[in-house]
C-alpha atoms as a PDB file:
ATOM      1  CA  UNK A   1       0.059   0.001  -0.136  1.00  0.00           C
ATOM      2  CA  UNK A   2       1.236   3.386  -1.093  1.00  0.00           C
ATOM      3  CA  UNK A   3       2.051   5.244   2.377  1.00  0.00           C
ATOM      4  CA  UNK A   4       0.515   8.782   3.061  1.00  0.00           C
ATOM      5  CA  UNK A   5      -2.890   8.790   0.550  1.00  0.00           C
ATOM      6  CA  UNK A   6      -5.334   7.860   3.350  1.00  0.00           C
ATOM      7  CA  UNK A   7      -6.935   9.721   6.136  1.00  0.00           C
ATOM      8  CA  UNK A   8      -4.990   9.629  10.085  1.00  0.00           C
ATOM      9  CA  UNK A   9      -8.442  11.787  11.368  1.00  0.00           C
ATOM     10  CA  UNK A  10     -10.199   8.021  12.240  1.00  0.00           C
ATOM     11  CA  UNK A  11     -12.267   8.472  15.517  1.00  0.00           C
ATOM     12  CA  UNK A  12     -15.561   6.732  16.474  1.00  0.00           C
ATOM     13  CA  UNK A  13     -18.954   8.556  15.417  1.00  0.00           C
ATOM     14  CA  UNK A  14     -22.625   7.498  15.913  1.00  0.00           C
ATOM     15  CA  UNK A  15     -24.705   7.092  12.967  1.00  0.00           C
ATOM     16  CA  UNK A  16     -28.456   7.712  13.910  1.00  0.00           C
ATOM     17  CA  UNK A  17     -31.258   6.463  11.222  1.00  0.00           C
ATOM     18  CA  UNK A  18     -33.784   9.186  11.145  1.00  0.00           C
ATOM     19  CA  UNK A  19     -36.695   6.925   9.476  1.00  0.00           C
ATOM     20  CA  UNK A  20     -36.253   4.369  12.603  1.00  0.00           C
ATOM     21  CA  UNK A  21     -33.945   6.345  15.131  1.00  0.00           C
ATOM     22  CA  UNK A  22     -31.418   3.233  15.550  1.00  0.00           C
ATOM     23  CA  UNK A  23     -27.870   4.159  16.450  1.00  0.00           C
ATOM     24  CA  UNK A  24     -24.916   2.255  15.445  1.00  0.00           C
ATOM     25  CA  UNK A  25     -20.965   3.695  16.707  1.00  0.00           C
ATOM     26  CA  UNK A  26     -18.327   2.832  14.478  1.00  0.00           C
ATOM     27  CA  UNK A  27     -14.783   4.181  13.320  1.00  0.00           C
ATOM     28  CA  UNK A  28     -15.287   7.405  10.855  1.00  0.00           C
ATOM     29  CA  UNK A  29     -13.526  10.260   9.410  1.00  0.00           C
ATOM     30  CA  UNK A  30     -16.857  12.469   7.944  1.00  0.00           C
ATOM     31  CA  UNK A  31     -17.313  15.374   9.331  1.00  0.00           C
ATOM     32  CA  UNK A  32     -19.958  16.408  11.934  1.00  0.00           C
ATOM     33  CA  UNK A  33     -21.427  19.401  13.824  1.00  0.00           C
ATOM     34  CA  UNK A  34     -23.945  17.510  16.160  1.00  0.00           C
ATOM     35  CA  UNK A  35     -23.013  15.573  18.992  1.00  0.00           C
ATOM     36  CA  UNK A  36     -25.224  12.211  20.660  1.00  0.00           C
ATOM     37  CA  UNK A  37     -25.190  10.747  23.935  1.00  0.00           C
ATOM     38  CA  UNK A  38     -25.188   6.590  23.761  1.00  0.00           C
ATOM     39  CA  UNK A  39     -24.843   4.515  26.248  1.00  0.00           C
ATOM     40  CA  UNK A  40     -23.089   7.731  28.407  1.00  0.00           C
ATOM     41  CA  UNK A  41     -21.327   8.816  26.485  1.00  0.00           C
ATOM     42  CA  UNK A  42     -20.672  11.638  23.851  1.00  0.00           C
ATOM     43  CA  UNK A  43     -20.542  10.680  20.097  1.00  0.00           C
ATOM     44  CA  UNK A  44     -20.259  13.383  16.808  1.00  0.00           C
ATOM     45  CA  UNK A  45     -23.461  12.220  15.178  1.00  0.00           C
ATOM     46  CA  UNK A  46     -23.665  11.956  10.953  1.00  0.00           C
ATOM     47  CA  UNK A  47     -27.720  12.124  10.520  1.00  0.00           C
ATOM     48  CA  UNK A  48     -28.903   9.561   7.599  1.00  0.00           C
ATOM     49  CA  UNK A  49     -31.860   9.337   6.094  1.00  0.00           C
ATOM     50  CA  UNK A  50     -31.467   5.170   5.195  1.00  0.00           C
ATOM     51  CA  UNK A  51     -29.283   2.079   7.044  1.00  0.00           C
ATOM     52  CA  UNK A  52     -28.737  -1.331   6.909  1.00  0.00           C
ATOM     53  CA  UNK A  53     -31.608  -1.728   9.912  1.00  0.00           C
ATOM     54  CA  UNK A  54     -34.532   0.209   7.090  1.00  0.00           C
ATOM     55  CA  UNK A  55     -33.634  -0.479   3.853  1.00  0.00           C
ATOM     56  CA  UNK A  56     -35.806  -2.684   1.937  1.00  0.00           C
ATOM     57  CA  UNK A  57     -32.957  -4.685   0.807  1.00  0.00           C
ATOM     58  CA  UNK A  58     -31.930  -5.634   4.363  1.00  0.00           C
ATOM     59  CA  UNK A  59     -35.207  -5.909   5.998  1.00  0.00           C
ATOM     60  CA  UNK A  60     -36.642  -8.014   3.243  1.00  0.00           C
ATOM     61  CA  UNK A  61     -39.891  -5.222   3.484  1.00  0.00           C
ATOM     62  CA  UNK A  62     -40.859  -2.630   1.166  1.00  0.00           C
ATOM     63  CA  UNK A  63     -42.900   0.754   1.984  1.00  0.00           C
ATOM     64  CA  UNK A  64     -45.572   1.159  -0.689  1.00  0.00           C
ATOM     65  CA  UNK A  65     -46.073   4.560  -2.133  1.00  0.00           C
ATOM     66  CA  UNK A  66     -49.012   5.865  -3.816  1.00  0.00           C
ATOM     67  CA  UNK A  67     -48.592   6.858  -6.237  1.00  0.00           C
ATOM     68  CA  UNK A  68     -51.932   5.907  -7.778  1.00  0.00           C
ATOM     69  CA  UNK A  69     -53.223   8.713  -5.740  1.00  0.00           C
ATOM     70  CA  UNK A  70     -50.684  11.374  -7.263  1.00  0.00           C
ATOM     71  CA  UNK A  71     -51.490  10.204 -10.979  1.00  0.00           C
ATOM     72  CA  UNK A  72     -55.339  10.596 -10.399  1.00  0.00           C
ATOM     73  CA  UNK A  73     -54.979  13.912  -8.451  1.00  0.00           C
ATOM     74  CA  UNK A  74     -52.308  15.621 -11.873  1.00  0.00           C
ATOM     75  CA  UNK A  75     -55.341  14.023 -13.798  1.00  0.00           C
ATOM     76  CA  UNK A  76     -58.210  15.727 -12.404  1.00  0.00           C
ATOM     77  CA  UNK A  77     -55.969  18.649 -12.339  1.00  0.00           C
ATOM     78  CA  UNK A  78     -55.512  18.698 -15.821  1.00  0.00           C
ATOM     79  CA  UNK A  79     -58.559  17.868 -17.343  1.00  0.00           C
ATOM     80  CA  UNK A  80     -59.935  20.823 -17.854  1.00  0.00           C
ATOM     81  CA  UNK A  81     -57.339  21.715 -20.654  1.00  0.00           C
ATOM     82  CA  UNK A  82     -57.683  18.602 -22.618  1.00  0.00           C
ATOM     83  CA  UNK A  83     -60.360  18.978 -25.783  1.00  0.00           C
END
């Protein structure tokens, strides 16, 4: 491996899944401005929208998105312009 190309500022960071409030701790170099207390210890926190605990690939569950309702709403809104 080449020397001097890897970052040296690894530290413990809390990653928080905002969809299900799951928190896990790992080493990272990610820049953060907020902190969180997890199990009595304060960590810098990085907030995520999705993680291994909420992603459909890992959980086996998929979320149903109401696309039909949006399509019907669009058609009703612009039906007056069709002739």
